[in-house]
């Protein structure tokens, strides 16, 4: 499946500033970093479950926000860019 993951980690407190790089690092293990707090890419159901479980251990559910958009495959996604076009999968052979 193809997913787009977006997060907003509250950095108003010191603890949030520590959580932010941990969430980013964890997302990079599974997906391509597209833009500041946006990740996307192909992922298996098992890996998505693992990523969700690991992120849930890091975030504060009362302060942070994660959204995962799921598509059966990238062909079902219509993507439009304004400005510089960036395809996170363009360097994959």
N, C-alpha and C. Protein backbone atom coordinates (compact mmCIF):
# COMPACT_ATOMS: atom_id res chain seq x y z
N UNK A 1 0.84 -1.18 0.00
CA UNK A 1 0.00 0.00 0.00
C UNK A 1 0.88 1.23 0.00
N UNK A 2 0.32 2.36 -0.37
CA UNK A 2 1.03 3.62 -0.40
C UNK A 2 0.44 4.50 0.70
N UNK A 3 1.28 5.13 1.49
CA UNK A 3 0.78 5.99 2.57
C UNK A 3 1.45 7.36 2.53
N UNK A 4 0.71 8.32 3.04
CA UNK A 4 1.25 9.66 3.31
C UNK A 4 1.03 9.87 4.80
N UNK A 5 2.10 10.15 5.52
CA UNK A 5 2.03 10.37 6.96
C UNK A 5 2.40 11.82 7.23
N UNK A 6 1.56 12.49 8.00
CA UNK A 6 1.77 13.89 8.37
C UNK A 6 1.72 13.98 9.88
N UNK A 7 2.64 14.72 10.46
CA UNK A 7 2.60 14.86 11.91
C UNK A 7 2.78 16.30 12.34
N UNK A 8 2.26 16.59 13.51
CA UNK A 8 2.43 17.89 14.16
C UNK A 8 2.74 17.60 15.62
N UNK A 9 4.00 17.76 15.97
CA UNK A 9 4.44 17.50 17.34
C UNK A 9 4.54 18.83 18.07
N UNK A 10 3.86 18.95 19.19
CA UNK A 10 3.87 20.18 19.95
C UNK A 10 5.26 20.41 20.54
N UNK A 11 5.86 21.54 20.22
CA UNK A 11 7.20 21.85 20.73
C UNK A 11 7.18 23.04 21.70
N UNK A 12 6.03 23.30 22.28
CA UNK A 12 5.93 24.39 23.25
C UNK A 12 6.69 24.08 24.53
N UNK A 13 6.79 22.79 24.86
CA UNK A 13 7.51 22.38 26.06
C UNK A 13 8.79 21.66 25.66
N UNK A 14 9.71 21.56 26.61
CA UNK A 14 11.00 20.91 26.38
C UNK A 14 10.82 19.45 25.94
N UNK A 15 9.85 18.77 26.51
CA UNK A 15 9.62 17.36 26.17
C UNK A 15 9.23 17.20 24.70
N UNK A 16 8.43 18.13 24.19
CA UNK A 16 8.02 18.10 22.79
C UNK A 16 9.20 18.29 21.85
N UNK A 17 10.12 19.15 22.25
CA UNK A 17 11.32 19.39 21.43
C UNK A 17 12.19 18.14 21.36
N UNK A 18 12.09 17.28 22.37
CA UNK A 18 12.82 16.01 22.36
C UNK A 18 12.08 14.95 21.54
N UNK A 19 10.74 15.02 21.56
CA UNK A 19 9.94 14.04 20.80
C UNK A 19 10.05 14.25 19.29
N UNK A 20 10.11 15.49 18.86
CA UNK A 20 10.10 15.81 17.44
C UNK A 20 11.17 15.07 16.63
N UNK A 21 12.45 15.13 17.00
CA UNK A 21 13.46 14.40 16.21
C UNK A 21 13.31 12.88 16.31
N UNK A 22 12.75 12.39 17.41
CA UNK A 22 12.54 10.95 17.54
C UNK A 22 11.47 10.47 16.57
N UNK A 23 10.40 11.25 16.43
CA UNK A 23 9.34 10.89 15.48
C UNK A 23 9.88 10.95 14.06
N UNK A 24 10.62 11.98 13.73
CA UNK A 24 11.19 12.12 12.39
C UNK A 24 12.12 10.94 12.07
N UNK A 25 12.96 10.60 13.00
CA UNK A 25 13.89 9.49 12.78
C UNK A 25 13.15 8.17 12.57
N UNK A 26 12.11 7.95 13.36
CA UNK A 26 11.33 6.72 13.23
C UNK A 26 10.62 6.68 11.88
N UNK A 27 10.05 7.78 11.44
CA UNK A 27 9.38 7.82 10.14
C UNK A 27 10.37 7.56 9.00
N UNK A 28 11.57 8.08 9.12
CA UNK A 28 12.59 7.88 8.08
C UNK A 28 13.00 6.41 7.94
N UNK A 29 12.80 5.64 8.97
CA UNK A 29 13.13 4.21 8.90
C UNK A 29 12.17 3.46 7.97
N UNK A 30 10.98 4.00 7.76
CA UNK A 30 9.95 3.29 7.01
C UNK A 30 9.53 4.00 5.72
N UNK A 31 9.62 5.35 5.68
CA UNK A 31 9.08 6.13 4.57
C UNK A 31 10.08 7.15 4.07
N UNK A 32 9.75 7.80 2.96
CA UNK A 32 10.59 8.84 2.38
C UNK A 32 10.18 10.20 2.93
N UNK A 33 11.16 10.99 3.31
CA UNK A 33 10.90 12.32 3.86
C UNK A 33 10.64 13.27 2.70
N UNK A 34 9.41 13.73 2.58
CA UNK A 34 9.00 14.56 1.46
C UNK A 34 9.13 16.04 1.77
N UNK A 35 8.67 16.43 2.94
CA UNK A 35 8.67 17.83 3.32
C UNK A 35 8.61 17.88 4.85
N UNK A 36 9.10 18.91 5.45
CA UNK A 36 9.25 19.05 6.90
C UNK A 36 8.59 17.95 7.74
N UNK A 37 7.29 17.92 7.83
CA UNK A 37 6.63 16.90 8.66
C UNK A 37 5.75 15.98 7.82
N UNK A 38 6.18 15.73 6.60
CA UNK A 38 5.43 14.87 5.68
C UNK A 38 6.33 13.74 5.18
N UNK A 39 5.81 12.54 5.26
CA UNK A 39 6.52 11.35 4.78
C UNK A 39 5.57 10.57 3.88
N UNK A 40 6.12 9.88 2.88
CA UNK A 40 5.28 9.06 2.04
C UNK A 40 6.06 7.91 1.45
N UNK A 41 5.33 6.90 0.98
CA UNK A 41 5.98 5.79 0.32
C UNK A 41 5.20 4.50 0.42
N UNK A 42 5.72 3.49 -0.26
CA UNK A 42 5.14 2.14 -0.21
C UNK A 42 5.52 1.51 1.12
N UNK A 43 4.57 0.79 1.72
CA UNK A 43 4.83 0.14 2.99
C UNK A 43 3.90 -1.07 3.12
N UNK A 44 4.38 -2.10 3.75
CA UNK A 44 3.53 -3.26 3.97
C UNK A 44 2.62 -3.01 5.17
N UNK A 45 1.56 -3.78 5.26
CA UNK A 45 0.64 -3.65 6.39
C UNK A 45 1.38 -3.91 7.71
N UNK A 46 2.26 -4.91 7.71
CA UNK A 46 3.02 -5.24 8.92
C UNK A 46 3.95 -4.09 9.32
N UNK A 47 4.63 -3.50 8.35
CA UNK A 47 5.53 -2.39 8.66
C UNK A 47 4.75 -1.16 9.10
N UNK A 48 3.57 -0.94 8.53
CA UNK A 48 2.75 0.19 8.96
C UNK A 48 2.30 0.00 10.41
N UNK A 49 1.93 -1.21 10.75
CA UNK A 49 1.54 -1.49 12.14
C UNK A 49 2.72 -1.28 13.08
N UNK A 50 3.91 -1.70 12.66
CA UNK A 50 5.11 -1.51 13.48
C UNK A 50 5.41 -0.02 13.65
N UNK A 51 5.32 0.73 12.56
CA UNK A 51 5.57 2.17 12.62
C UNK A 51 4.57 2.84 13.56
N UNK A 52 3.30 2.52 13.43
CA UNK A 52 2.28 3.10 14.30
C UNK A 52 2.57 2.80 15.76
N UNK A 53 2.90 1.55 16.06
CA UNK A 53 3.18 1.14 17.43
C UNK A 53 4.37 1.91 18.00
N UNK A 54 5.42 2.05 17.20
CA UNK A 54 6.61 2.76 17.66
C UNK A 54 6.36 4.25 17.84
N UNK A 55 5.58 4.84 16.94
CA UNK A 55 5.26 6.27 17.08
C UNK A 55 4.39 6.50 18.31
N UNK A 56 3.45 5.61 18.55
CA UNK A 56 2.57 5.76 19.72
C UNK A 56 3.35 5.75 21.03
N UNK A 57 4.49 5.06 21.04
CA UNK A 57 5.34 5.03 22.24
C UNK A 57 6.08 6.35 22.44
N UNK A 58 6.27 7.11 21.36
CA UNK A 58 7.05 8.35 21.42
C UNK A 58 6.17 9.56 21.71
N UNK A 59 5.03 9.66 21.04
CA UNK A 59 4.24 10.89 21.10
C UNK A 59 3.46 11.03 22.40
N UNK A 60 3.01 12.24 22.63
CA UNK A 60 2.08 12.54 23.71
C UNK A 60 0.71 12.69 23.04
N UNK A 61 -0.18 11.75 23.26
CA UNK A 61 -1.47 11.73 22.57
C UNK A 61 -2.36 12.92 22.92
N UNK A 62 -2.04 13.64 23.97
CA UNK A 62 -2.83 14.81 24.34
C UNK A 62 -2.30 16.09 23.69
N UNK A 63 -1.09 16.03 23.12
CA UNK A 63 -0.49 17.24 22.54
C UNK A 63 -0.11 17.08 21.07
N UNK A 64 0.16 15.88 20.63
CA UNK A 64 0.68 15.65 19.28
C UNK A 64 -0.39 15.09 18.35
N UNK A 65 -0.13 15.18 17.05
CA UNK A 65 -1.12 14.84 16.04
C UNK A 65 -0.45 14.12 14.89
N UNK A 66 -0.96 12.93 14.56
CA UNK A 66 -0.43 12.14 13.44
C UNK A 66 -1.61 11.78 12.53
N UNK A 67 -1.42 11.94 11.22
CA UNK A 67 -2.43 11.54 10.25
C UNK A 67 -1.77 10.62 9.24
N UNK A 68 -2.41 9.49 8.95
CA UNK A 68 -1.90 8.56 7.95
C UNK A 68 -2.98 8.38 6.89
N UNK A 69 -2.65 8.78 5.66
CA UNK A 69 -3.54 8.58 4.52
C UNK A 69 -3.09 7.30 3.82
N UNK A 70 -4.01 6.38 3.59
CA UNK A 70 -3.68 5.09 3.00
C UNK A 70 -4.34 4.95 1.62
N UNK A 71 -3.56 4.45 0.66
CA UNK A 71 -4.08 4.16 -0.66
C UNK A 71 -3.66 2.75 -1.04
N UNK A 72 -4.47 2.08 -1.83
CA UNK A 72 -4.12 0.73 -2.24
C UNK A 72 -2.78 0.68 -2.96
N UNK A 73 -2.54 1.67 -3.81
CA UNK A 73 -1.25 1.78 -4.48
C UNK A 73 -1.07 3.21 -4.98
N UNK A 74 0.13 3.53 -5.39
CA UNK A 74 0.45 4.89 -5.80
C UNK A 74 -0.33 5.30 -7.05
N UNK A 75 -0.77 4.32 -7.85
CA UNK A 75 -1.51 4.64 -9.07
C UNK A 75 -2.87 5.26 -8.77
N UNK A 76 -3.40 5.04 -7.57
CA UNK A 76 -4.68 5.63 -7.19
C UNK A 76 -4.54 7.04 -6.65
N UNK A 77 -3.33 7.54 -6.60
CA UNK A 77 -3.05 8.85 -6.04
C UNK A 77 -2.87 9.87 -7.16
N UNK A 78 -3.61 10.94 -7.09
CA UNK A 78 -3.40 12.05 -8.03
C UNK A 78 -2.69 13.13 -7.24
N UNK A 79 -1.51 13.44 -7.68
CA UNK A 79 -0.67 14.37 -6.95
C UNK A 79 -0.43 15.61 -7.78
N UNK A 80 -0.57 16.77 -7.16
CA UNK A 80 -0.34 18.03 -7.85
C UNK A 80 0.61 18.87 -7.03
N UNK A 81 1.62 19.38 -7.67
CA UNK A 81 2.59 20.24 -6.99
C UNK A 81 2.51 21.65 -7.56
N UNK A 82 2.74 22.60 -6.71
CA UNK A 82 2.90 23.99 -7.13
C UNK A 82 4.29 24.40 -6.68
N UNK A 83 5.10 24.86 -7.60
CA UNK A 83 6.49 25.18 -7.28
C UNK A 83 7.38 24.02 -7.67
N UNK A 84 8.46 23.84 -6.96
CA UNK A 84 9.44 22.80 -7.26
C UNK A 84 8.80 21.43 -7.07
N UNK A 85 8.91 20.58 -8.08
CA UNK A 85 8.34 19.23 -8.01
C UNK A 85 9.33 18.32 -7.30
N UNK A 86 8.85 17.56 -6.33
CA UNK A 86 9.70 16.63 -5.62
C UNK A 86 9.01 15.28 -5.55
N UNK A 87 9.65 14.27 -6.12
CA UNK A 87 9.14 12.90 -6.04
C UNK A 87 10.11 12.11 -5.16
N UNK A 88 9.70 11.70 -3.97
CA UNK A 88 10.61 11.03 -3.06
C UNK A 88 11.08 9.66 -3.57
N UNK A 89 10.43 9.16 -4.59
CA UNK A 89 10.82 7.85 -5.12
C UNK A 89 11.65 7.96 -6.39
N UNK A 90 12.01 9.17 -6.79
CA UNK A 90 12.71 9.35 -8.06
C UNK A 90 14.13 8.79 -8.05
N UNK A 91 14.73 8.62 -6.90
CA UNK A 91 16.11 8.10 -6.85
C UNK A 91 16.16 6.59 -6.61
N UNK A 92 15.01 5.93 -6.66
CA UNK A 92 14.95 4.49 -6.46
C UNK A 92 15.04 3.82 -7.81
N UNK A 93 15.92 2.84 -7.92
CA UNK A 93 16.11 2.15 -9.20
C UNK A 93 15.02 1.13 -9.45
